[in-house]
């Protein structure tokens, strides 16, 4: 049995068993929160994977965190919020309503580092997409256009935009997950 500091130290050193233990300890509460706020099992599962992917990518900094549960809660809150906003944008709903008031918080320095590393990995994945999928992904996920707006800008049907976005999202997720060690990848794929 490890205490939290020792567990974080082992994760920081790349110990995948320690990471698995940490995921098992926290995933149920995070998933429950994500499901309650996002109202979608698929979106909650994807968000849960994103949260633990961010933790793994930032593992070397875990030893500097004084209150890991609070830090993880902030990462989860921000990731769930981002998923919620993205979902609203894709549905064409006004993103100024909903969770904003309860979830906005300033990022702490360690979270800023984590976001930077995650953003770098994400950008590498986006850069590998075929041109139309990349354009679709950028217009909707990064610029916040609705499907209909993206379709008009690209001079294609909304169904083509939907298909391109689904394929791009699948490829981006696959690329990001492929950058992880096999045991961590298997763990993240099986998170529910």
Foldseek 3Di string as FASTA:
>chain_A
DDDPLVLLVCLLVVNLVSLLVVCVVPQVVLLVVLCVQQVDNVLSLVLSLVLSLLCSLLSNCSNVDDDVVVVSVLSSLVSSLLSNQLVCLQVVHDSVDGCVVPRDDDDDPSVVVSVVSVVVLLVVQLVPDPPVLSQLCCVCNPVSHYLVVSCVVVVHDSVVSVVSPVVSVVSSVVSSLVVDPPSSSVSSVPRD
